[in-house]
Amino acid sequence: MRYIDNRDVNEAVTEMVRVLGPHDAEDWSVPAGSLDWSCWTTAAHTAHDLLAYAGQIAARPTDAYLPFDLAVRSDSSPREVLQVVTACAGLLGSALATAGREARAWHWGPCDAPGFAAMGVAEVLLHTHDIAQGLGVIQGCQASVQTGWLCVVQGR
């Protein structure tokens, strides 16, 4: 059995950029699907969580999240926010690759490296779906062996 790892995080972010990148000139201030957040805020949140997961698995705290936060400048374009997501996914991927499967860190209890990888993949794919819905570019998502989801976008 293959555990979810850094390769899956990278694949999920590649899919996110593939789906959303062509729509970076659109209005990202609209709500992301059924969320109260805008598409822009949802993408920035995704980057934040990926960075937080990277910090956790790198430092391996046992009782809380590390006391740092990601601040994406409010004047950043959607393209720039997607670059921040890509960078944070790269940091998570690097932390996962060096941590080893047996590494444990706190996420409302102990969590192993594949768990952080799975949370990162879920965060990216679920919010890609939310943002794509908000931008009106999604028809639906279906199961995929590699990432768990494959989003089908409308041609414009």
N, C-alpha and C. Protein backbone atom coordinates (compact mmCIF):
# COMPACT_ATOMS: atom_id res chain seq x y z
N MET A 1 0.84 -1.19 0.00
CA MET A 1 0.00 0.00 0.00
C MET A 1 0.89 1.25 0.00
N ARG A 2 0.57 2.20 -0.87
CA ARG A 2 1.30 3.45 -0.91
C ARG A 2 0.57 4.49 -0.08
N TYR A 3 1.30 5.14 0.81
CA TYR A 3 0.73 6.19 1.63
C TYR A 3 0.74 7.51 0.86
N ILE A 4 -0.20 8.38 1.19
CA ILE A 4 -0.21 9.71 0.60
C ILE A 4 1.04 10.43 1.06
N ASP A 5 1.71 11.14 0.13
CA ASP A 5 2.97 11.80 0.49
C ASP A 5 3.13 13.09 -0.30
N ASN A 6 4.36 13.60 -0.31
CA ASN A 6 4.65 14.87 -0.97
C ASN A 6 4.29 14.87 -2.45
N ARG A 7 4.38 13.74 -3.12
CA ARG A 7 4.03 13.67 -4.54
C ARG A 7 2.56 14.00 -4.76
N ASP A 8 1.72 13.55 -3.84
CA ASP A 8 0.29 13.82 -3.96
C ASP A 8 -0.03 15.29 -3.71
N VAL A 9 0.68 15.90 -2.75
CA VAL A 9 0.50 17.33 -2.49
C VAL A 9 0.87 18.11 -3.75
N ASN A 10 2.00 17.77 -4.35
CA ASN A 10 2.43 18.45 -5.58
C ASN A 10 1.43 18.25 -6.71
N GLU A 11 0.91 17.04 -6.83
CA GLU A 11 -0.07 16.76 -7.88
C GLU A 11 -1.36 17.55 -7.67
N ALA A 12 -1.79 17.66 -6.43
CA ALA A 12 -3.01 18.41 -6.13
C ALA A 12 -2.84 19.89 -6.48
N VAL A 13 -1.69 20.47 -6.13
CA VAL A 13 -1.46 21.88 -6.43
C VAL A 13 -1.30 22.10 -7.93
N THR A 14 -0.69 21.17 -8.61
CA THR A 14 -0.60 21.26 -10.07
C THR A 14 -2.00 21.30 -10.67
N GLU A 15 -2.90 20.46 -10.14
CA GLU A 15 -4.29 20.44 -10.61
C GLU A 15 -4.98 21.77 -10.29
N MET A 16 -4.73 22.30 -9.10
CA MET A 16 -5.33 23.58 -8.72
C MET A 16 -4.94 24.68 -9.70
N VAL A 17 -3.65 24.76 -9.99
CA VAL A 17 -3.16 25.80 -10.91
C VAL A 17 -3.67 25.55 -12.33
N ARG A 18 -3.77 24.29 -12.72
CA ARG A 18 -4.31 23.97 -14.05
C ARG A 18 -5.75 24.43 -14.19
N VAL A 19 -6.55 24.20 -13.14
CA VAL A 19 -7.97 24.53 -13.19
C VAL A 19 -8.20 26.04 -13.04
N LEU A 20 -7.50 26.65 -12.07
CA LEU A 20 -7.80 28.04 -11.73
C LEU A 20 -6.92 29.07 -12.45
N GLY A 21 -5.71 28.68 -12.82
CA GLY A 21 -4.78 29.61 -13.45
C GLY A 21 -5.34 30.35 -14.65
N PRO A 22 -6.03 29.66 -15.56
CA PRO A 22 -6.57 30.35 -16.73
C PRO A 22 -7.64 31.39 -16.39
N HIS A 23 -8.10 31.41 -15.14
CA HIS A 23 -9.17 32.33 -14.74
C HIS A 23 -8.68 33.38 -13.75
N ASP A 24 -7.37 33.63 -13.76
CA ASP A 24 -6.80 34.55 -12.78
C ASP A 24 -7.12 36.02 -13.07
N ALA A 25 -7.65 36.34 -14.23
CA ALA A 25 -8.03 37.72 -14.55
C ALA A 25 -9.49 38.00 -14.19
N GLU A 26 -10.19 36.99 -13.71
CA GLU A 26 -11.59 37.18 -13.35
C GLU A 26 -11.73 37.80 -11.96
N ASP A 27 -12.93 38.07 -11.56
CA ASP A 27 -13.21 38.70 -10.27
C ASP A 27 -13.16 37.66 -9.16
N TRP A 28 -12.07 37.63 -8.40
CA TRP A 28 -11.90 36.68 -7.31
C TRP A 28 -12.48 37.21 -6.00
N SER A 29 -13.22 38.32 -6.05
CA SER A 29 -13.87 38.82 -4.83
C SER A 29 -15.24 38.18 -4.63
N VAL A 30 -15.68 37.39 -5.60
CA VAL A 30 -16.97 36.70 -5.48
C VAL A 30 -16.85 35.55 -4.48
N PRO A 31 -17.96 35.13 -3.89
CA PRO A 31 -17.89 34.00 -2.95
C PRO A 31 -17.38 32.73 -3.62
N ALA A 32 -16.62 31.97 -2.88
CA ALA A 32 -16.09 30.68 -3.36
C ALA A 32 -17.14 29.61 -3.11
N GLY A 33 -17.93 29.32 -4.12
CA GLY A 33 -18.97 28.29 -3.99
C GLY A 33 -19.93 28.65 -2.88
N SER A 34 -20.15 27.71 -1.98
CA SER A 34 -21.09 27.92 -0.87
C SER A 34 -20.44 28.56 0.35
N LEU A 35 -19.15 28.89 0.27
CA LEU A 35 -18.44 29.48 1.40
C LEU A 35 -18.78 30.97 1.55
N ASP A 36 -18.58 31.50 2.74
CA ASP A 36 -18.72 32.93 2.96
C ASP A 36 -17.49 33.69 2.47
N TRP A 37 -16.36 33.00 2.35
CA TRP A 37 -15.12 33.61 1.88
C TRP A 37 -15.16 33.87 0.39
N SER A 38 -14.39 34.86 -0.03
CA SER A 38 -14.22 35.11 -1.46
C SER A 38 -13.28 34.05 -2.04
N CYS A 39 -13.24 34.00 -3.36
CA CYS A 39 -12.30 33.08 -4.01
C CYS A 39 -10.87 33.42 -3.62
N TRP A 40 -10.53 34.71 -3.57
CA TRP A 40 -9.19 35.16 -3.20
C TRP A 40 -8.86 34.72 -1.78
N THR A 41 -9.77 34.97 -0.85
CA THR A 41 -9.54 34.61 0.55
C THR A 41 -9.41 33.10 0.72
N THR A 42 -10.19 32.35 -0.03
CA THR A 42 -10.13 30.89 0.04
C THR A 42 -8.78 30.38 -0.45
N ALA A 43 -8.25 30.96 -1.52
CA ALA A 43 -6.93 30.56 -2.00
C ALA A 43 -5.86 30.93 -0.97
N ALA A 44 -5.95 32.12 -0.38
CA ALA A 44 -4.98 32.52 0.64
C ALA A 44 -5.07 31.61 1.87
N HIS A 45 -6.27 31.21 2.23
CA HIS A 45 -6.47 30.27 3.34
C HIS A 45 -5.80 28.92 3.03
N THR A 46 -5.92 28.48 1.80
CA THR A 46 -5.30 27.22 1.40
C THR A 46 -3.79 27.30 1.58
N ALA A 47 -3.20 28.39 1.14
CA ALA A 47 -1.76 28.59 1.33
C ALA A 47 -1.40 28.59 2.81
N HIS A 48 -2.20 29.28 3.60
CA HIS A 48 -1.96 29.35 5.05
C HIS A 48 -1.93 27.97 5.67
N ASP A 49 -2.91 27.14 5.33
CA ASP A 49 -2.97 25.80 5.92
C ASP A 49 -1.80 24.93 5.47
N LEU A 50 -1.42 25.02 4.21
CA LEU A 50 -0.28 24.24 3.73
C LEU A 50 0.99 24.64 4.48
N LEU A 51 1.18 25.94 4.70
CA LEU A 51 2.35 26.39 5.44
C LEU A 51 2.29 25.92 6.89
N ALA A 52 1.11 25.99 7.49
CA ALA A 52 0.97 25.53 8.88
C ALA A 52 1.29 24.04 8.99
N TYR A 53 0.81 23.24 8.04
CA TYR A 53 1.12 21.80 8.05
C TYR A 53 2.61 21.57 7.89
N ALA A 54 3.26 22.35 7.02
CA ALA A 54 4.71 22.23 6.83
C ALA A 54 5.45 22.53 8.12
N GLY A 55 5.05 23.58 8.79
CA GLY A 55 5.68 23.93 10.06
C GLY A 55 5.51 22.85 11.10
N GLN A 56 4.31 22.30 11.15
CA GLN A 56 4.05 21.25 12.15
C GLN A 56 4.93 20.03 11.93
N ILE A 57 4.96 19.54 10.70
CA ILE A 57 5.71 18.30 10.46
C ILE A 57 7.22 18.54 10.51
N ALA A 58 7.66 19.78 10.25
CA ALA A 58 9.09 20.09 10.35
C ALA A 58 9.53 20.21 11.81
N ALA A 59 8.74 20.89 12.63
CA ALA A 59 9.13 21.14 14.03
C ALA A 59 8.65 20.04 14.98
N ARG A 60 7.61 19.34 14.60
CA ARG A 60 7.04 18.23 15.37
C ARG A 60 6.60 18.59 16.79
N PRO A 61 5.86 19.69 16.94
CA PRO A 61 5.33 19.99 18.27
C PRO A 61 4.32 18.93 18.68
N THR A 62 4.18 18.74 19.96
CA THR A 62 3.29 17.68 20.46
C THR A 62 2.02 18.19 21.11
N ASP A 63 1.88 19.51 21.27
CA ASP A 63 0.73 19.98 22.04
C ASP A 63 -0.02 21.18 21.47
N ALA A 64 0.43 21.74 20.36
CA ALA A 64 -0.25 22.92 19.81
C ALA A 64 0.31 23.23 18.42
N TYR A 65 -0.39 24.12 17.73
CA TYR A 65 0.15 24.65 16.48
C TYR A 65 1.23 25.67 16.79
N LEU A 66 2.21 25.77 15.92
CA LEU A 66 3.28 26.76 16.09
C LEU A 66 2.70 28.17 16.02
N PRO A 67 3.25 29.11 16.77
CA PRO A 67 2.69 30.47 16.83
C PRO A 67 3.16 31.36 15.68
N PHE A 68 2.87 30.96 14.46
CA PHE A 68 3.16 31.83 13.31
C PHE A 68 1.99 31.77 12.35
N ASP A 69 1.93 32.76 11.48
CA ASP A 69 0.83 32.88 10.54
C ASP A 69 1.37 33.34 9.19
N LEU A 70 0.64 33.05 8.14
CA LEU A 70 0.95 33.54 6.81
C LEU A 70 0.08 34.76 6.54
N ALA A 71 0.68 35.82 6.08
CA ALA A 71 -0.06 37.02 5.69
C ALA A 71 0.17 37.25 4.20
N VAL A 72 -0.86 37.08 3.41
CA VAL A 72 -0.78 37.36 1.97
C VAL A 72 -1.23 38.81 1.80
N ARG A 73 -0.39 39.62 1.17
CA ARG A 73 -0.74 41.04 0.99
C ARG A 73 -2.07 41.17 0.26
N SER A 74 -2.91 42.06 0.76
CA SER A 74 -4.26 42.22 0.22
C SER A 74 -4.27 42.74 -1.22
N ASP A 75 -3.17 43.33 -1.68
CA ASP A 75 -3.12 43.81 -3.06
C ASP A 75 -2.56 42.77 -4.02
N SER A 76 -2.37 41.54 -3.55
CA SER A 76 -1.86 40.46 -4.41
C SER A 76 -2.93 40.04 -5.41
N SER A 77 -2.50 39.82 -6.63
CA SER A 77 -3.41 39.37 -7.67
C SER A 77 -3.73 37.88 -7.46
N PRO A 78 -4.80 37.39 -8.08
CA PRO A 78 -5.07 35.96 -8.00
C PRO A 78 -3.89 35.11 -8.48
N ARG A 79 -3.20 35.54 -9.52
CA ARG A 79 -2.03 34.81 -10.02
C ARG A 79 -0.96 34.73 -8.92
N GLU A 80 -0.75 35.83 -8.22
CA GLU A 80 0.23 35.85 -7.13
C GLU A 80 -0.20 34.97 -5.97
N VAL A 81 -1.48 34.97 -5.66
CA VAL A 81 -1.97 34.10 -4.57
C VAL A 81 -1.77 32.64 -4.95
N LEU A 82 -2.02 32.28 -6.20
CA LEU A 82 -1.76 30.90 -6.64
C LEU A 82 -0.27 30.57 -6.55
N GLN A 83 0.59 31.54 -6.79
CA GLN A 83 2.03 31.31 -6.60
C GLN A 83 2.36 31.08 -5.13
N VAL A 84 1.68 31.80 -4.24
CA VAL A 84 1.89 31.59 -2.81
C VAL A 84 1.42 30.19 -2.41
N VAL A 85 0.28 29.76 -2.94
CA VAL A 85 -0.19 28.40 -2.68
C VAL A 85 0.84 27.39 -3.16
N THR A 86 1.37 27.60 -4.35
CA THR A 86 2.38 26.69 -4.91
C THR A 86 3.62 26.66 -4.02
N ALA A 87 4.06 27.82 -3.56
CA ALA A 87 5.23 27.89 -2.68
C ALA A 87 4.98 27.15 -1.37
N CYS A 88 3.83 27.36 -0.77
CA CYS A 88 3.52 26.70 0.51
C CYS A 88 3.38 25.19 0.32
N ALA A 89 2.83 24.78 -0.81
CA ALA A 89 2.76 23.34 -1.10
C ALA A 89 4.16 22.77 -1.25
N GLY A 90 5.05 23.53 -1.88
CA GLY A 90 6.43 23.08 -2.01
C GLY A 90 7.11 22.94 -0.65
N LEU A 91 6.83 23.87 0.26
CA LEU A 91 7.38 23.78 1.61
C LEU A 91 6.83 22.56 2.34
N LEU A 92 5.52 22.32 2.20
CA LEU A 92 4.94 21.13 2.82
C LEU A 92 5.55 19.88 2.20
N GLY A 93 5.66 19.85 0.88
CA GLY A 93 6.24 18.69 0.21
C GLY A 93 7.66 18.41 0.68
N SER A 94 8.46 19.46 0.82
CA SER A 94 9.84 19.29 1.30
C SER A 94 9.87 18.79 2.73
N ALA A 95 9.00 19.34 3.58
CA ALA A 95 8.94 18.89 4.97
C ALA A 95 8.53 17.43 5.04
N LEU A 96 7.57 17.04 4.22
CA LEU A 96 7.12 15.65 4.21
C LEU A 96 8.22 14.71 3.70
N ALA A 97 8.92 15.15 2.67
CA ALA A 97 9.96 14.30 2.08
C ALA A 97 11.11 14.04 3.04
N THR A 98 11.39 15.00 3.90
CA THR A 98 12.51 14.83 4.84
C THR A 98 12.08 14.26 6.18
N ALA A 99 10.79 14.30 6.48
CA ALA A 99 10.31 13.88 7.80
C ALA A 99 10.29 12.36 7.97
N GLY A 100 9.95 11.65 6.95
CA GLY A 100 9.76 10.21 7.08
C GLY A 100 8.35 9.91 7.55
N ARG A 101 7.85 8.78 7.14
CA ARG A 101 6.46 8.40 7.42
C ARG A 101 6.15 8.30 8.91
N GLU A 102 7.16 7.98 9.72
CA GLU A 102 6.93 7.77 11.14
C GLU A 102 6.86 9.07 11.95
N ALA A 103 7.21 10.21 11.36
CA ALA A 103 7.19 11.50 12.07
C ALA A 103 5.78 11.80 12.57
N ARG A 104 5.71 12.39 13.75
CA ARG A 104 4.42 12.77 14.35
C ARG A 104 4.48 14.23 14.75
N ALA A 105 3.36 14.92 14.61
CA ALA A 105 3.23 16.30 15.05
C ALA A 105 1.77 16.53 15.46
N TRP A 106 1.53 17.63 16.12
CA TRP A 106 0.20 17.90 16.66
C TRP A 106 -0.72 18.50 15.60
N HIS A 107 -1.91 17.93 15.51
CA HIS A 107 -3.03 18.50 14.76
C HIS A 107 -4.28 18.06 15.50
N TRP A 108 -4.59 18.73 16.57
CA TRP A 108 -5.71 18.37 17.45
C TRP A 108 -5.51 16.94 17.96
N GLY A 109 -4.26 16.59 18.18
CA GLY A 109 -3.81 15.27 18.59
C GLY A 109 -2.65 14.87 17.70
N PRO A 110 -2.02 13.74 17.97
CA PRO A 110 -0.87 13.35 17.14
C PRO A 110 -1.31 12.96 15.73
N CYS A 111 -0.49 13.36 14.76
CA CYS A 111 -0.77 13.07 13.36
C CYS A 111 0.55 12.71 12.69
N ASP A 112 0.53 11.69 11.84
CA ASP A 112 1.76 11.29 11.15
C ASP A 112 1.91 12.06 9.82
N ALA A 113 3.06 11.86 9.20
CA ALA A 113 3.35 12.58 7.95
C ALA A 113 2.32 12.29 6.85
N PRO A 114 1.92 11.03 6.63
CA PRO A 114 0.88 10.80 5.63
C PRO A 114 -0.44 11.50 5.97
N GLY A 115 -0.71 11.66 7.25
CA GLY A 115 -1.91 12.40 7.66
C GLY A 115 -1.83 13.86 7.26
N PHE A 116 -0.67 14.50 7.48
CA PHE A 116 -0.49 15.88 7.05
C PHE A 116 -0.54 15.99 5.54
N ALA A 117 0.01 15.02 4.83
CA ALA A 117 -0.07 15.01 3.37
C ALA A 117 -1.53 14.92 2.92
N ALA A 118 -2.29 14.03 3.55
CA ALA A 118 -3.70 13.86 3.20
C ALA A 118 -4.49 15.13 3.48
N MET A 119 -4.21 15.77 4.62
CA MET A 119 -4.91 17.03 4.92
C MET A 119 -4.56 18.10 3.90
N GLY A 120 -3.29 18.15 3.47
CA GLY A 120 -2.89 19.12 2.47
C GLY A 120 -3.58 18.88 1.14
N VAL A 121 -3.64 17.63 0.72
CA VAL A 121 -4.32 17.29 -0.54
C VAL A 121 -5.80 17.64 -0.44
N ALA A 122 -6.43 17.29 0.66
CA ALA A 122 -7.86 17.59 0.83
C ALA A 122 -8.10 19.10 0.80
N GLU A 123 -7.28 19.84 1.51
CA GLU A 123 -7.41 21.30 1.54
C GLU A 123 -7.34 21.89 0.14
N VAL A 124 -6.35 21.47 -0.62
CA VAL A 124 -6.16 21.99 -1.98
C VAL A 124 -7.32 21.61 -2.88
N LEU A 125 -7.70 20.35 -2.90
CA LEU A 125 -8.72 19.90 -3.84
C LEU A 125 -10.11 20.41 -3.49
N LEU A 126 -10.45 20.41 -2.21
CA LEU A 126 -11.77 20.91 -1.82
C LEU A 126 -11.90 22.40 -2.11
N HIS A 127 -10.86 23.16 -1.82
CA HIS A 127 -10.94 24.60 -2.06
C HIS A 127 -10.77 24.95 -3.54
N THR A 128 -10.08 24.11 -4.29
CA THR A 128 -10.07 24.30 -5.74
C THR A 128 -11.50 24.20 -6.27
N HIS A 129 -12.21 23.21 -5.77
CA HIS A 129 -13.61 23.03 -6.16
C HIS A 129 -14.45 24.25 -5.76
N ASP A 130 -14.27 24.74 -4.53
CA ASP A 130 -15.02 25.92 -4.06
C ASP A 130 -14.75 27.13 -4.96
N ILE A 131 -13.47 27.39 -5.22
CA ILE A 131 -13.10 28.56 -6.03
C ILE A 131 -13.62 28.41 -7.45
N ALA A 132 -13.47 27.22 -8.03
CA ALA A 132 -13.95 26.99 -9.40
C ALA A 132 -15.46 27.20 -9.48
N GLN A 133 -16.18 26.76 -8.45
CA GLN A 133 -17.63 27.01 -8.43
C GLN A 133 -17.90 28.51 -8.38
N GLY A 134 -17.18 29.22 -7.54
CA GLY A 134 -17.38 30.66 -7.42
C GLY A 134 -17.11 31.40 -8.72
N LEU A 135 -16.10 30.95 -9.44
CA LEU A 135 -15.75 31.58 -10.71
C LEU A 135 -16.62 31.10 -11.86
N GLY A 136 -17.46 30.10 -11.59
CA GLY A 136 -18.37 29.58 -12.62
C GLY A 136 -17.68 28.75 -13.67
N VAL A 137 -16.60 28.08 -13.32
CA VAL A 137 -15.86 27.31 -14.32
C VAL A 137 -15.91 25.81 -14.07
N ILE A 138 -16.75 25.37 -13.16
CA ILE A 138 -16.73 23.94 -12.82
C ILE A 138 -18.05 23.29 -13.20
N GLN A 139 -17.93 22.11 -13.74
CA GLN A 139 -19.10 21.29 -14.02
C GLN A 139 -19.30 20.26 -12.93
N GLY A 140 -18.23 19.76 -12.39
CA GLY A 140 -18.32 18.76 -11.33
C GLY A 140 -16.98 18.12 -11.08
N CYS A 141 -16.92 17.29 -10.08
CA CYS A 141 -15.69 16.58 -9.78
C CYS A 141 -16.01 15.10 -9.71
N GLN A 142 -15.03 14.30 -10.06
CA GLN A 142 -15.21 12.86 -10.02
C GLN A 142 -13.99 12.21 -9.39
N ALA A 143 -14.15 11.00 -8.94
CA ALA A 143 -13.06 10.29 -8.27
C ALA A 143 -11.89 10.07 -9.21
N SER A 144 -10.70 10.14 -8.68
CA SER A 144 -9.46 9.87 -9.41
C SER A 144 -8.57 9.01 -8.54
N VAL A 145 -7.91 8.05 -9.12
CA VAL A 145 -7.03 7.16 -8.35
C VAL A 145 -5.90 7.93 -7.70
N GLN A 146 -5.29 8.86 -8.40
CA GLN A 146 -4.11 9.56 -7.90
C GLN A 146 -4.44 10.56 -6.81
N THR A 147 -5.32 11.52 -7.07
CA THR A 147 -5.54 12.60 -6.12
C THR A 147 -6.86 12.48 -5.38
N GLY A 148 -7.71 11.59 -5.79
CA GLY A 148 -9.01 11.49 -5.16
C GLY A 148 -10.08 12.28 -5.87
N TRP A 149 -9.70 13.34 -6.60
CA TRP A 149 -10.67 14.17 -7.30
C TRP A 149 -10.11 14.61 -8.63
N LEU A 150 -10.95 14.74 -9.57
CA LEU A 150 -10.58 15.32 -10.86
C LEU A 150 -11.66 16.31 -11.20
N CYS A 151 -11.31 17.56 -11.27
CA CYS A 151 -12.30 18.60 -11.57
C CYS A 151 -12.40 18.78 -13.08
N VAL A 152 -13.63 18.86 -13.55
CA VAL A 152 -13.88 19.04 -14.97
C VAL A 152 -14.34 20.48 -15.15
N VAL A 153 -13.60 21.23 -15.95
CA VAL A 153 -13.93 22.64 -16.14
C VAL A 153 -14.64 22.85 -17.45
N GLN A 154 -15.43 23.91 -17.48
CA GLN A 154 -16.15 24.28 -18.69
C GLN A 154 -15.21 24.99 -19.63
N GLY A 155 -15.39 24.73 -20.91
CA GLY A 155 -14.67 25.52 -21.90
C GLY A 155 -15.39 26.84 -22.10
N ARG A 156 -14.62 27.89 -22.27
CA ARG A 156 -15.26 29.20 -22.47
C ARG A 156 -14.98 29.72 -23.84
